Amino acid sequence: MIVSNTSPIINLACIGRLDLLPALFGEITIPEAVFHEIAVIQPGAPGASEVRAASWIRRHAVGNRPLVTSLRLELDSGEAEAIACAVEAKARLLLIDERRGRAVAQRLELATTGLMGALLLARKRNLIESIRPLLDDLRHVAGFWIGDALYSKVLRDAGD
């Protein structure tokens, strides 16, 4: 099982490449808090209608509420539930971008990757011809922060 937090879904939707998630991972599981952040809070925002309609997205109600409550001391509700969902379901991978959330997930021994890792995998599998246009769109269209050093590293790792 692959669990995703909000950021990878919204940012890929912003640049019109949400199709990469099912192409890479098949089915994605999101906890209810992530569904709420994407599809309920701003129902007209990028990704909202896609998430409501996508057959490849599974919603999961996290049962371990004490874990969520504990994680909420450090994280927002989407991140806390995504991590709790990944723990509960023994997920193979957690898609999460936020530094603090990744650190907490790694403390709990969860395998993580973010949007950059997903794009590198898409490039490796020839799902995209070049990673540069997507990085540029993420920066300029989605407003996703990518530092210059990371931008250069991702291009280098992708062979772009």
C-alpha atoms as a PDB file:
ATOM      1  CA  MET A   1       0.000   0.000   0.000  1.00  0.00           C
ATOM      2  CA  ILE A   2       1.121   3.527  -0.814  1.00  0.00           C
ATOM      3  CA  VAL A   3      -0.160   6.355   1.413  1.00  0.00           C
ATOM      4  CA  SER A   4      -0.035   9.991   0.332  1.00  0.00           C
ATOM      5  CA  ASN A   5      -0.173  13.255   2.183  1.00  0.00           C
ATOM      6  CA  THR A   6      -1.811  16.315   0.636  1.00  0.00           C
ATOM      7  CA  SER A   7       1.177  18.067  -0.981  1.00  0.00           C
ATOM      8  CA  PRO A   8       2.120  15.562  -3.727  1.00  0.00           C
ATOM      9  CA  ILE A   9      -1.496  15.334  -4.899  1.00  0.00           C
ATOM     10  CA  ILE A  10      -2.247  19.067  -4.919  1.00  0.00           C
ATOM     11  CA  ASN A  11       1.046  20.072  -6.519  1.00  0.00           C
ATOM     12  CA  LEU A  12       0.811  17.495  -9.300  1.00  0.00           C
ATOM     13  CA  ALA A  13      -2.799  18.545  -9.898  1.00  0.00           C
ATOM     14  CA  CYS A  14      -1.674  22.188 -10.141  1.00  0.00           C
ATOM     15  CA  ILE A  15       0.639  21.333 -13.027  1.00  0.00           C
ATOM     16  CA  GLY A  16      -1.756  18.930 -14.723  1.00  0.00           C
ATOM     17  CA  ARG A  17       0.255  15.789 -13.950  1.00  0.00           C
ATOM     18  CA  LEU A  18      -1.803  14.010 -11.318  1.00  0.00           C
ATOM     19  CA  ASP A  19      -1.806  11.104 -13.793  1.00  0.00           C
ATOM     20  CA  LEU A  20       1.736  10.288 -12.685  1.00  0.00           C
ATOM     21  CA  LEU A  21       0.618   8.937  -9.290  1.00  0.00           C
ATOM     22  CA  PRO A  22      -1.511   6.046 -10.589  1.00  0.00           C
ATOM     23  CA  ALA A  23       1.022   5.420 -13.360  1.00  0.00           C
ATOM     24  CA  LEU A  24       3.773   5.066 -10.753  1.00  0.00           C
ATOM     25  CA  PHE A  25       1.980   3.446  -7.858  1.00  0.00           C
ATOM     26  CA  GLY A  26      -1.373   2.101  -9.025  1.00  0.00           C
ATOM     27  CA  GLU A  27      -3.674   2.709  -6.105  1.00  0.00           C
ATOM     28  CA  ILE A  28      -2.974   5.435  -3.526  1.00  0.00           C
ATOM     29  CA  THR A  29      -4.495   5.517  -0.053  1.00  0.00           C
ATOM     30  CA  ILE A  30      -5.275   8.810   1.665  1.00  0.00           C
ATOM     31  CA  PRO A  31      -6.602   9.291   5.178  1.00  0.00           C
ATOM     32  CA  GLU A  32      -9.814  11.219   5.744  1.00  0.00           C
ATOM     33  CA  ALA A  33      -7.945  14.363   6.873  1.00  0.00           C
ATOM     34  CA  VAL A  34      -6.051  14.492   3.561  1.00  0.00           C
ATOM     35  CA  PHE A  35      -9.300  13.979   1.636  1.00  0.00           C
ATOM     36  CA  HIS A  36     -10.824  16.828   3.646  1.00  0.00           C
ATOM     37  CA  GLU A  37      -7.828  19.144   2.986  1.00  0.00           C
ATOM     38  CA  ILE A  38      -7.976  18.489  -0.758  1.00  0.00           C
ATOM     39  CA  ALA A  39     -11.610  17.910  -1.646  1.00  0.00           C
ATOM     40  CA  VAL A  40     -13.696  19.616   1.035  1.00  0.00           C
ATOM     41  CA  ILE A  41     -11.959  22.761   2.328  1.00  0.00           C
ATOM     42  CA  GLN A  42     -11.521  24.236  -1.163  1.00  0.00           C
ATOM     43  CA  PRO A  43     -13.835  22.225  -3.421  1.00  0.00           C
ATOM     44  CA  GLY A  44     -12.797  24.150  -6.545  1.00  0.00           C
ATOM     45  CA  ALA A  45      -9.026  23.975  -5.937  1.00  0.00           C
ATOM     46  CA  PRO A  46      -6.666  21.947  -8.147  1.00  0.00           C
ATOM     47  CA  GLY A  47      -7.052  18.255  -7.452  1.00  0.00           C
ATOM     48  CA  ALA A  48     -10.340  18.527  -5.530  1.00  0.00           C
ATOM     49  CA  SER A  49     -12.666  17.139  -8.183  1.00  0.00           C
ATOM     50  CA  GLU A  50     -10.059  14.595  -9.320  1.00  0.00           C
ATOM     51  CA  VAL A  51      -9.676  13.251  -5.782  1.00  0.00           C
ATOM     52  CA  ARG A  52     -13.430  13.012  -5.308  1.00  0.00           C
ATOM     53  CA  ALA A  53     -13.785  11.053  -8.583  1.00  0.00           C
ATOM     54  CA  ALA A  54     -10.542   9.037  -8.848  1.00  0.00           C
ATOM     55  CA  SER A  55     -11.008   5.274  -8.801  1.00  0.00           C
ATOM     56  CA  TRP A  56      -7.314   4.881  -7.969  1.00  0.00           C
ATOM     57  CA  ILE A  57      -7.585   6.770  -4.670  1.00  0.00           C
ATOM     58  CA  ARG A  58      -8.781   4.887  -1.603  1.00  0.00           C
ATOM     59  CA  ARG A  59      -9.910   6.729   1.508  1.00  0.00           C
ATOM     60  CA  HIS A  60      -8.939   5.309   4.879  1.00  0.00           C
ATOM     61  CA  ALA A  61     -10.371   6.182   8.275  1.00  0.00           C
ATOM     62  CA  VAL A  62      -7.462   5.986  10.715  1.00  0.00           C
ATOM     63  CA  GLY A  63      -8.372   3.857  13.702  1.00  0.00           C
ATOM     64  CA  ASN A  64      -5.402   4.676  15.918  1.00  0.00           C
ATOM     65  CA  ARG A  65      -6.689   8.021  17.210  1.00  0.00           C
ATOM     66  CA  PRO A  66      -4.193   8.148  20.138  1.00  0.00           C
ATOM     67  CA  LEU A  67      -1.339   8.056  17.598  1.00  0.00           C
ATOM     68  CA  VAL A  68      -2.977  10.834  15.562  1.00  0.00           C
ATOM     69  CA  THR A  69      -3.423  12.927  18.724  1.00  0.00           C
ATOM     70  CA  SER A  70       0.234  12.414  19.633  1.00  0.00           C
ATOM     71  CA  LEU A  71       1.420  13.297  16.117  1.00  0.00           C
ATOM     72  CA  ARG A  72      -0.775  16.424  16.118  1.00  0.00           C
ATOM     73  CA  LEU A  73       1.553  17.853  18.785  1.00  0.00           C
ATOM     74  CA  GLU A  74       4.124  18.296  15.989  1.00  0.00           C
ATOM     75  CA  LEU A  75       2.203  18.146  12.709  1.00  0.00           C
ATOM     76  CA  ASP A  76      -0.959  19.323  10.978  1.00  0.00           C
ATOM     77  CA  SER A  77      -3.918  16.954  10.792  1.00  0.00           C
ATOM     78  CA  GLY A  78      -3.226  15.748   7.236  1.00  0.00           C
ATOM     79  CA  GLU A  79       0.382  14.866   7.985  1.00  0.00           C
ATOM     80  CA  ALA A  80      -0.536  13.262  11.317  1.00  0.00           C
ATOM     81  CA  GLU A  81      -3.228  11.095   9.752  1.00  0.00           C
ATOM     82  CA  ALA A  82      -1.073  10.198   6.734  1.00  0.00           C
ATOM     83  CA  ILE A  83       1.679   8.960   9.047  1.00  0.00           C
ATOM     84  CA  ALA A  84      -0.778   7.141  11.316  1.00  0.00           C
ATOM     85  CA  CYS A  85      -2.439   5.584   8.258  1.00  0.00           C
ATOM     86  CA  ALA A  86       0.946   4.401   6.943  1.00  0.00           C
ATOM     87  CA  VAL A  87       1.821   2.893  10.339  1.00  0.00           C
ATOM     88  CA  GLU A  88      -1.590   1.272  10.755  1.00  0.00           C
ATOM     89  CA  ALA A  89      -1.663  -0.205   7.252  1.00  0.00           C
ATOM     90  CA  LYS A  90       2.033  -1.146   7.228  1.00  0.00           C
ATOM     91  CA  ALA A  91       2.406   0.912   4.055  1.00  0.00           C
ATOM     92  CA  ARG A  92       5.213   0.176   1.653  1.00  0.00           C
ATOM     93  CA  LEU A  93       5.759   3.907   1.101  1.00  0.00           C
ATOM     94  CA  LEU A  94       4.538   7.263   2.398  1.00  0.00           C
ATOM     95  CA  LEU A  95       4.471  10.200  -0.037  1.00  0.00           C
ATOM     96  CA  ILE A  96       5.177  13.289   2.041  1.00  0.00           C
ATOM     97  CA  ASP A  97       7.076  16.480   1.281  1.00  0.00           C
ATOM     98  CA  GLU A  98       7.158  18.477   4.490  1.00  0.00           C
ATOM     99  CA  ARG A  99      10.501  18.206   6.265  1.00  0.00           C
ATOM    100  CA  ARG A 100       9.081  17.839   9.770  1.00  0.00           C
ATOM    101  CA  GLY A 101       6.562  15.223   8.650  1.00  0.00           C
ATOM    102  CA  ARG A 102       9.256  13.202   6.892  1.00  0.00           C
ATOM    103  CA  ALA A 103      11.452  13.319   9.978  1.00  0.00           C
ATOM    104  CA  VAL A 104       8.615  12.043  12.176  1.00  0.00           C
ATOM    105  CA  ALA A 105       7.747   9.309   9.647  1.00  0.00           C
ATOM    106  CA  GLN A 106      11.371   8.200   9.492  1.00  0.00           C
ATOM    107  CA  ARG A 107      11.535   8.073  13.302  1.00  0.00           C
ATOM    108  CA  LEU A 108       8.642   5.628  13.046  1.00  0.00           C
ATOM    109  CA  GLU A 109      10.677   3.635  10.485  1.00  0.00           C
ATOM    110  CA  LEU A 110       8.393   4.391   7.555  1.00  0.00           C
ATOM    111  CA  ALA A 111       9.799   4.462   4.031  1.00  0.00           C
ATOM    112  CA  THR A 112       9.196   7.926   2.599  1.00  0.00           C
ATOM    113  CA  THR A 113       9.614   9.849  -0.590  1.00  0.00           C
ATOM    114  CA  GLY A 114       8.385  13.200  -1.732  1.00  0.00           C
ATOM    115  CA  LEU A 115       7.400  14.829  -4.953  1.00  0.00           C
ATOM    116  CA  MET A 116      11.012  15.017  -6.174  1.00  0.00           C
ATOM    117  CA  GLY A 117      11.473  11.287  -5.556  1.00  0.00           C
ATOM    118  CA  ALA A 118       8.255  10.515  -7.402  1.00  0.00           C
ATOM    119  CA  LEU A 119       9.341  12.640 -10.369  1.00  0.00           C
ATOM    120  CA  LEU A 120      12.732  10.938 -10.459  1.00  0.00           C
ATOM    121  CA  LEU A 121      10.991   7.562 -10.481  1.00  0.00           C
ATOM    122  CA  ALA A 122       8.707   8.758 -13.298  1.00  0.00           C
ATOM    123  CA  ARG A 123      11.769   9.816 -15.290  1.00  0.00           C
ATOM    124  CA  LYS A 124      13.522   6.500 -14.609  1.00  0.00           C
ATOM    125  CA  ARG A 125      10.452   4.607 -15.828  1.00  0.00           C
ATOM    126  CA  ASN A 126      10.227   6.855 -18.932  1.00  0.00           C
ATOM    127  CA  LEU A 127       6.813   8.180 -17.932  1.00  0.00           C
ATOM    128  CA  ILE A 128       8.184  11.665 -18.573  1.00  0.00           C
ATOM    129  CA  GLU A 129      10.706  12.711 -21.187  1.00  0.00           C
ATOM    130  CA  SER A 130      12.337  15.445 -19.120  1.00  0.00           C
ATOM    131  CA  ILE A 131      12.039  16.461 -15.494  1.00  0.00           C
ATOM    132  CA  ARG A 132      13.011  20.128 -15.955  1.00  0.00           C
ATOM    133  CA  PRO A 133       9.629  21.359 -17.296  1.00  0.00           C
ATOM    134  CA  LEU A 134       7.839  19.748 -14.358  1.00  0.00           C
ATOM    135  CA  LEU A 135      10.246  21.283 -11.839  1.00  0.00           C
ATOM    136  CA  ASP A 136       9.774  24.675 -13.489  1.00  0.00           C
ATOM    137  CA  ASP A 137       5.991  24.292 -13.433  1.00  0.00           C
ATOM    138  CA  LEU A 138       6.082  23.225  -9.790  1.00  0.00           C
ATOM    139  CA  ARG A 139       8.094  26.338  -8.941  1.00  0.00           C
ATOM    140  CA  HIS A 140       6.224  28.854 -11.068  1.00  0.00           C
ATOM    141  CA  VAL A 141       2.697  27.480 -11.456  1.00  0.00           C
ATOM    142  CA  ALA A 142       2.139  25.519  -8.241  1.00  0.00           C
ATOM    143  CA  GLY A 143       4.318  27.725  -6.031  1.00  0.00           C
ATOM    144  CA  PHE A 144       6.122  24.618  -4.721  1.00  0.00           C
ATOM    145  CA  TRP A 145       9.378  25.631  -3.090  1.00  0.00           C
ATOM    146  CA  ILE A 146      12.424  23.921  -4.585  1.00  0.00           C
ATOM    147  CA  GLY A 147      15.769  25.341  -3.510  1.00  0.00           C
ATOM    148  CA  ASP A 148      18.409  25.870  -6.172  1.00  0.00           C
ATOM    149  CA  ALA A 149      20.668  23.131  -4.781  1.00  0.00           C
ATOM    150  CA  LEU A 150      17.837  20.580  -4.792  1.00  0.00           C
ATOM    151  CA  TYR A 151      16.717  21.709  -8.252  1.00  0.00           C
ATOM    152  CA  SER A 152      20.239  21.107  -9.609  1.00  0.00           C
ATOM    153  CA  LYS A 153      20.571  17.776  -7.811  1.00  0.00           C
ATOM    154  CA  VAL A 154      17.262  16.482  -9.161  1.00  0.00           C
ATOM    155  CA  LEU A 155      18.220  17.507 -12.705  1.00  0.00           C
ATOM    156  CA  ARG A 156      21.585  15.792 -12.314  1.00  0.00           C
ATOM    157  CA  ASP A 157      20.027  12.627 -10.846  1.00  0.00           C
ATOM    158  CA  ALA A 158      17.488  12.548 -13.698  1.00  0.00           C
ATOM    159  CA  GLY A 159      20.176  12.982 -16.327  1.00  0.00           C
ATOM    160  CA  ASP A 160      18.560  16.197 -17.584  1.00  0.00           C
END
